[in-house]
């Protein structure tokens, strides 16, 4: 079973992604900000995620700084930026992500990107 780390501060979006992606057959871990994500990645020795879904606007450590740290750590898992803001698409740090999906009530594009990046 493929494991996905969701880095998202909005509790409603956390629940939505948890339900939808679990129904798709994925194991889901959820953290609320970049600091929690980096802590999780540092501790997850045997259960490292196969993919990371990363919000950009979060408290404590935003997605831009988190993305930079993920790149430095050479974690290797593909990263999908999942944000409500289309204006960040051309940011250099965002361009380092494997996919950029704008948030929507319809998760079809997100699910397609996940399947493509996981080779399914």
N, C-alpha and C. Protein backbone atom coordinates (compact mmCIF):
# COMPACT_ATOMS: atom_id res chain seq x y z
N UNK A 1 0.85 -1.18 0.00
CA UNK A 1 0.00 0.00 0.00
C UNK A 1 0.90 1.25 0.00
N UNK A 2 0.64 2.14 -0.93
CA UNK A 2 1.42 3.38 -1.02
C UNK A 2 1.03 4.33 0.10
N UNK A 3 2.04 5.01 0.63
CA UNK A 3 1.87 5.91 1.76
C UNK A 3 2.00 7.35 1.29
N UNK A 4 1.05 8.21 1.70
CA UNK A 4 1.06 9.62 1.32
C UNK A 4 1.08 10.48 2.58
N UNK A 5 1.97 11.47 2.59
CA UNK A 5 2.01 12.45 3.66
C UNK A 5 1.30 13.70 3.17
N UNK A 6 0.26 14.11 3.89
CA UNK A 6 -0.49 15.33 3.57
C UNK A 6 -0.05 16.40 4.56
N UNK A 7 0.44 17.52 4.03
CA UNK A 7 0.87 18.65 4.85
C UNK A 7 -0.13 19.77 4.60
N UNK A 8 -1.07 19.93 5.52
CA UNK A 8 -2.22 20.82 5.31
C UNK A 8 -2.72 21.32 6.65
N UNK A 9 -2.94 22.62 6.80
CA UNK A 9 -3.39 23.17 8.07
C UNK A 9 -4.91 23.23 8.22
N UNK A 10 -5.65 23.19 7.14
CA UNK A 10 -7.11 23.29 7.20
C UNK A 10 -7.71 21.92 7.56
N UNK A 11 -8.37 21.86 8.71
CA UNK A 11 -8.92 20.59 9.21
C UNK A 11 -9.95 19.98 8.25
N UNK A 12 -10.76 20.82 7.60
CA UNK A 12 -11.76 20.30 6.67
C UNK A 12 -11.10 19.66 5.45
N UNK A 13 -10.06 20.27 4.95
CA UNK A 13 -9.34 19.70 3.81
C UNK A 13 -8.59 18.44 4.24
N UNK A 14 -8.06 18.45 5.45
CA UNK A 14 -7.42 17.24 5.98
C UNK A 14 -8.40 16.06 5.95
N UNK A 15 -9.61 16.29 6.48
CA UNK A 15 -10.62 15.22 6.52
C UNK A 15 -11.01 14.76 5.12
N UNK A 16 -11.21 15.73 4.22
CA UNK A 16 -11.59 15.39 2.85
C UNK A 16 -10.51 14.52 2.19
N UNK A 17 -9.26 14.95 2.29
CA UNK A 17 -8.17 14.19 1.67
C UNK A 17 -8.01 12.83 2.32
N UNK A 18 -8.14 12.78 3.65
CA UNK A 18 -8.04 11.50 4.37
C UNK A 18 -9.09 10.51 3.84
N UNK A 19 -10.33 10.96 3.75
CA UNK A 19 -11.42 10.07 3.31
C UNK A 19 -11.25 9.66 1.85
N UNK A 20 -11.05 10.62 0.99
CA UNK A 20 -10.97 10.35 -0.45
C UNK A 20 -9.77 9.48 -0.81
N UNK A 21 -8.62 9.78 -0.23
CA UNK A 21 -7.41 9.03 -0.60
C UNK A 21 -7.36 7.66 0.07
N UNK A 22 -7.95 7.54 1.24
CA UNK A 22 -8.06 6.22 1.87
C UNK A 22 -8.97 5.33 1.02
N UNK A 23 -10.06 5.92 0.51
CA UNK A 23 -10.97 5.17 -0.37
C UNK A 23 -10.26 4.72 -1.65
N UNK A 24 -9.23 5.46 -2.06
CA UNK A 24 -8.46 5.09 -3.26
C UNK A 24 -7.42 4.01 -2.96
N UNK A 25 -7.29 3.64 -1.67
CA UNK A 25 -6.38 2.56 -1.30
C UNK A 25 -5.02 3.00 -0.78
N UNK A 26 -4.88 4.28 -0.42
CA UNK A 26 -3.61 4.79 0.09
C UNK A 26 -3.63 4.84 1.61
N UNK A 27 -2.44 4.71 2.19
CA UNK A 27 -2.26 4.94 3.62
C UNK A 27 -1.90 6.42 3.78
N UNK A 28 -2.61 7.14 4.65
CA UNK A 28 -2.47 8.58 4.75
C UNK A 28 -1.95 8.99 6.13
N UNK A 29 -0.92 9.83 6.12
CA UNK A 29 -0.45 10.49 7.34
C UNK A 29 -0.69 11.98 7.14
N UNK A 30 -1.14 12.68 8.19
CA UNK A 30 -1.46 14.09 8.07
C UNK A 30 -0.71 14.88 9.14
N UNK A 31 -0.09 15.99 8.71
CA UNK A 31 0.52 16.95 9.63
C UNK A 31 0.00 18.34 9.25
N UNK A 32 0.10 19.28 10.19
CA UNK A 32 -0.55 20.58 10.01
C UNK A 32 0.35 21.72 9.54
N UNK A 33 1.65 21.50 9.48
CA UNK A 33 2.54 22.56 9.00
C UNK A 33 3.90 21.97 8.62
N UNK A 34 4.75 22.82 8.09
CA UNK A 34 6.05 22.38 7.60
C UNK A 34 6.95 21.82 8.69
N UNK A 35 6.91 22.41 9.88
CA UNK A 35 7.75 21.91 10.97
C UNK A 35 7.36 20.48 11.33
N UNK A 36 6.06 20.24 11.41
CA UNK A 36 5.60 18.87 11.70
C UNK A 36 5.99 17.92 10.58
N UNK A 37 5.93 18.39 9.34
CA UNK A 37 6.29 17.55 8.20
C UNK A 37 7.75 17.14 8.27
N UNK A 38 8.63 18.09 8.55
CA UNK A 38 10.06 17.76 8.61
C UNK A 38 10.37 16.84 9.79
N UNK A 39 9.68 17.05 10.90
CA UNK A 39 9.84 16.15 12.05
C UNK A 39 9.38 14.75 11.68
N UNK A 40 8.23 14.65 11.03
CA UNK A 40 7.71 13.36 10.60
C UNK A 40 8.69 12.66 9.65
N UNK A 41 9.18 13.40 8.68
CA UNK A 41 10.10 12.80 7.70
C UNK A 41 11.40 12.36 8.36
N UNK A 42 11.84 13.09 9.37
CA UNK A 42 13.06 12.72 10.08
C UNK A 42 12.91 11.47 10.92
N UNK A 43 11.71 11.22 11.40
CA UNK A 43 11.46 10.07 12.27
C UNK A 43 10.96 8.84 11.54
N UNK A 44 10.42 9.02 10.35
CA UNK A 44 9.75 7.92 9.62
C UNK A 44 10.77 7.05 8.89
N UNK A 45 11.54 6.32 9.61
CA UNK A 45 12.60 5.48 9.02
C UNK A 45 12.04 4.40 8.09
N UNK A 46 11.18 3.55 8.63
CA UNK A 46 10.65 2.42 7.86
C UNK A 46 9.34 2.75 7.15
N UNK A 47 8.74 3.87 7.49
CA UNK A 47 7.45 4.21 6.91
C UNK A 47 7.50 5.56 6.21
N UNK A 48 8.53 5.78 5.44
CA UNK A 48 8.64 7.04 4.70
C UNK A 48 7.55 7.09 3.64
N UNK A 49 7.01 8.28 3.41
CA UNK A 49 5.95 8.39 2.41
C UNK A 49 6.47 8.18 0.99
N UNK A 50 5.60 7.66 0.15
CA UNK A 50 5.91 7.49 -1.26
C UNK A 50 5.63 8.77 -2.03
N UNK A 51 4.85 9.68 -1.42
CA UNK A 51 4.48 10.93 -2.06
C UNK A 51 4.08 11.93 -0.98
N UNK A 52 4.31 13.21 -1.25
CA UNK A 52 3.96 14.28 -0.30
C UNK A 52 3.02 15.26 -1.00
N UNK A 53 1.91 15.57 -0.34
CA UNK A 53 1.00 16.62 -0.81
C UNK A 53 1.21 17.81 0.12
N UNK A 54 1.61 18.94 -0.44
CA UNK A 54 2.07 20.08 0.35
C UNK A 54 1.27 21.34 0.07
N UNK A 55 0.65 21.88 1.10
CA UNK A 55 -0.01 23.18 1.01
C UNK A 55 1.08 24.25 1.09
N UNK A 56 0.80 25.46 0.62
CA UNK A 56 1.79 26.53 0.66
C UNK A 56 1.59 27.50 1.82
N UNK A 57 0.37 27.90 2.08
CA UNK A 57 0.10 28.89 3.12
C UNK A 57 -0.29 28.19 4.42
N UNK A 58 0.69 28.10 5.34
CA UNK A 58 0.48 27.43 6.62
C UNK A 58 1.19 28.21 7.71
N UNK A 59 0.78 28.02 8.97
CA UNK A 59 1.48 28.67 10.08
C UNK A 59 2.81 27.98 10.37
N UNK A 60 3.60 28.59 11.19
CA UNK A 60 4.89 28.08 11.69
C UNK A 60 5.94 27.98 10.58
N UNK A 61 5.72 27.14 9.59
CA UNK A 61 6.63 27.01 8.45
C UNK A 61 5.78 26.78 7.21
N UNK A 62 5.87 27.71 6.27
CA UNK A 62 5.04 27.60 5.07
C UNK A 62 5.58 26.54 4.10
N UNK A 63 4.84 26.32 3.05
CA UNK A 63 5.20 25.30 2.08
C UNK A 63 6.47 25.61 1.30
N UNK A 64 6.77 26.89 1.10
CA UNK A 64 7.98 27.26 0.38
C UNK A 64 9.22 26.83 1.16
N UNK A 65 9.26 27.17 2.43
CA UNK A 65 10.40 26.78 3.27
C UNK A 65 10.46 25.26 3.44
N UNK A 66 9.29 24.66 3.60
CA UNK A 66 9.23 23.21 3.73
C UNK A 66 9.78 22.53 2.47
N UNK A 67 9.38 23.02 1.32
CA UNK A 67 9.85 22.46 0.05
C UNK A 67 11.37 22.55 -0.05
N UNK A 68 11.91 23.70 0.35
CA UNK A 68 13.37 23.86 0.35
C UNK A 68 14.06 22.83 1.22
N UNK A 69 13.51 22.58 2.39
CA UNK A 69 14.08 21.59 3.30
C UNK A 69 13.93 20.18 2.77
N UNK A 70 12.82 19.89 2.11
CA UNK A 70 12.63 18.56 1.52
C UNK A 70 13.67 18.33 0.42
N UNK A 71 13.91 19.35 -0.38
CA UNK A 71 14.92 19.25 -1.45
C UNK A 71 16.30 19.02 -0.84
N UNK A 72 16.65 19.78 0.17
CA UNK A 72 17.97 19.63 0.83
C UNK A 72 18.15 18.25 1.43
N UNK A 73 17.06 17.69 1.97
CA UNK A 73 17.16 16.39 2.64
C UNK A 73 17.28 15.24 1.65
N UNK A 74 17.03 15.52 0.37
CA UNK A 74 17.10 14.50 -0.68
C UNK A 74 16.21 13.31 -0.33
N UNK A 75 15.04 13.62 0.17
CA UNK A 75 14.09 12.58 0.57
C UNK A 75 13.71 11.69 -0.59
N UNK A 76 13.50 12.29 -1.76
CA UNK A 76 13.26 11.48 -2.95
C UNK A 76 11.80 11.26 -3.31
N UNK A 77 10.87 11.49 -2.39
CA UNK A 77 9.45 11.30 -2.71
C UNK A 77 8.96 12.45 -3.57
N UNK A 78 8.12 12.15 -4.56
CA UNK A 78 7.55 13.25 -5.35
C UNK A 78 6.70 14.15 -4.47
N UNK A 79 6.64 15.44 -4.84
CA UNK A 79 5.89 16.42 -4.08
C UNK A 79 4.85 17.06 -5.00
N UNK A 80 3.60 17.08 -4.52
CA UNK A 80 2.53 17.79 -5.21
C UNK A 80 2.20 19.03 -4.39
N UNK A 81 2.34 20.20 -4.99
CA UNK A 81 1.88 21.42 -4.35
C UNK A 81 0.36 21.46 -4.53
N UNK A 82 -0.36 21.61 -3.42
CA UNK A 82 -1.82 21.63 -3.44
C UNK A 82 -2.24 22.92 -2.75
N UNK A 83 -2.59 23.93 -3.54
CA UNK A 83 -2.84 25.26 -3.00
C UNK A 83 -4.05 25.91 -3.64
N UNK A 84 -4.60 26.89 -2.94
CA UNK A 84 -5.73 27.66 -3.48
C UNK A 84 -5.26 28.85 -4.31
N UNK A 85 -3.96 29.05 -4.39
CA UNK A 85 -3.40 30.25 -5.02
C UNK A 85 -2.70 29.94 -6.34
N UNK A 86 -3.32 30.35 -7.43
CA UNK A 86 -2.73 30.14 -8.76
C UNK A 86 -1.51 31.00 -8.97
N UNK A 87 -1.41 32.10 -8.25
CA UNK A 87 -0.33 33.07 -8.45
C UNK A 87 1.06 32.54 -8.08
N UNK A 88 1.14 31.45 -7.34
CA UNK A 88 2.44 30.92 -6.94
C UNK A 88 3.06 29.97 -7.96
N UNK A 89 2.34 29.68 -9.02
CA UNK A 89 2.78 28.69 -10.00
C UNK A 89 4.18 28.95 -10.54
N UNK A 90 4.58 30.22 -10.70
CA UNK A 90 5.87 30.55 -11.29
C UNK A 90 6.98 30.79 -10.27
N UNK A 91 6.71 30.55 -9.00
CA UNK A 91 7.75 30.70 -7.97
C UNK A 91 8.80 29.62 -8.17
N UNK A 92 10.05 29.99 -8.03
CA UNK A 92 11.17 29.06 -8.27
C UNK A 92 11.07 27.81 -7.39
N UNK A 93 10.75 28.00 -6.12
CA UNK A 93 10.67 26.86 -5.21
C UNK A 93 9.51 25.94 -5.60
N UNK A 94 8.41 26.53 -6.01
CA UNK A 94 7.25 25.75 -6.42
C UNK A 94 7.55 24.95 -7.69
N UNK A 95 8.34 25.53 -8.57
CA UNK A 95 8.68 24.83 -9.81
C UNK A 95 9.50 23.57 -9.56
N UNK A 96 10.09 23.46 -8.38
CA UNK A 96 10.85 22.26 -8.03
C UNK A 96 9.94 21.08 -7.70
N UNK A 97 8.66 21.36 -7.47
CA UNK A 97 7.70 20.29 -7.16
C UNK A 97 7.41 19.48 -8.42
N UNK A 98 6.91 18.29 -8.22
CA UNK A 98 6.60 17.39 -9.33
C UNK A 98 5.25 17.70 -9.98
N UNK A 99 4.37 18.37 -9.23
CA UNK A 99 3.06 18.76 -9.77
C UNK A 99 2.53 19.94 -8.97
N UNK A 100 1.67 20.72 -9.62
CA UNK A 100 1.04 21.89 -9.00
C UNK A 100 -0.45 21.79 -9.27
N UNK A 101 -1.23 21.58 -8.23
CA UNK A 101 -2.67 21.40 -8.37
C UNK A 101 -3.38 22.45 -7.53
N UNK A 102 -4.28 23.19 -8.15
CA UNK A 102 -5.08 24.15 -7.40
C UNK A 102 -6.19 23.42 -6.67
N UNK A 103 -6.44 23.83 -5.42
CA UNK A 103 -7.48 23.19 -4.62
C UNK A 103 -8.84 23.38 -5.26
N UNK A 104 -9.63 22.32 -5.15
CA UNK A 104 -10.97 22.31 -5.72
C UNK A 104 -11.79 21.29 -4.96
N UNK A 105 -13.11 21.44 -4.98
CA UNK A 105 -13.97 20.42 -4.38
C UNK A 105 -13.91 19.12 -5.17
N UNK A 106 -13.52 19.21 -6.43
CA UNK A 106 -13.35 18.05 -7.30
C UNK A 106 -11.89 17.61 -7.24
N UNK A 107 -11.62 16.46 -6.68
CA UNK A 107 -10.25 15.99 -6.48
C UNK A 107 -9.70 15.17 -7.65
N UNK A 108 -10.39 15.20 -8.79
CA UNK A 108 -9.98 14.39 -9.94
C UNK A 108 -8.56 14.69 -10.37
N UNK A 109 -8.20 15.96 -10.54
CA UNK A 109 -6.85 16.31 -10.98
C UNK A 109 -5.79 15.88 -9.97
N UNK A 110 -6.09 16.05 -8.69
CA UNK A 110 -5.16 15.62 -7.66
C UNK A 110 -4.96 14.11 -7.71
N UNK A 111 -6.05 13.36 -7.81
CA UNK A 111 -5.96 11.90 -7.86
C UNK A 111 -5.20 11.43 -9.10
N UNK A 112 -5.42 12.10 -10.23
CA UNK A 112 -4.69 11.74 -11.46
C UNK A 112 -3.20 12.00 -11.30
N UNK A 113 -2.84 13.13 -10.69
CA UNK A 113 -1.43 13.45 -10.47
C UNK A 113 -0.77 12.44 -9.54
N UNK A 114 -1.49 12.03 -8.50
CA UNK A 114 -0.97 11.03 -7.56
C UNK A 114 -0.68 9.72 -8.30
N UNK A 115 -1.66 9.25 -9.07
CA UNK A 115 -1.49 7.99 -9.79
C UNK A 115 -0.32 8.07 -10.78
N UNK A 116 -0.22 9.18 -11.48
CA UNK A 116 0.87 9.35 -12.44
C UNK A 116 2.24 9.33 -11.74
N UNK A 117 2.36 10.09 -10.65
CA UNK A 117 3.64 10.17 -9.95
C UNK A 117 4.03 8.88 -9.24
N UNK A 118 3.03 8.10 -8.86
CA UNK A 118 3.32 6.82 -8.22
C UNK A 118 3.42 5.67 -9.24
N UNK A 119 3.27 6.00 -10.50
CA UNK A 119 3.40 4.99 -11.54
C UNK A 119 2.28 3.98 -11.54
N UNK A 120 1.09 4.42 -11.23
CA UNK A 120 -0.06 3.49 -11.17
C UNK A 120 -0.91 3.61 -12.41
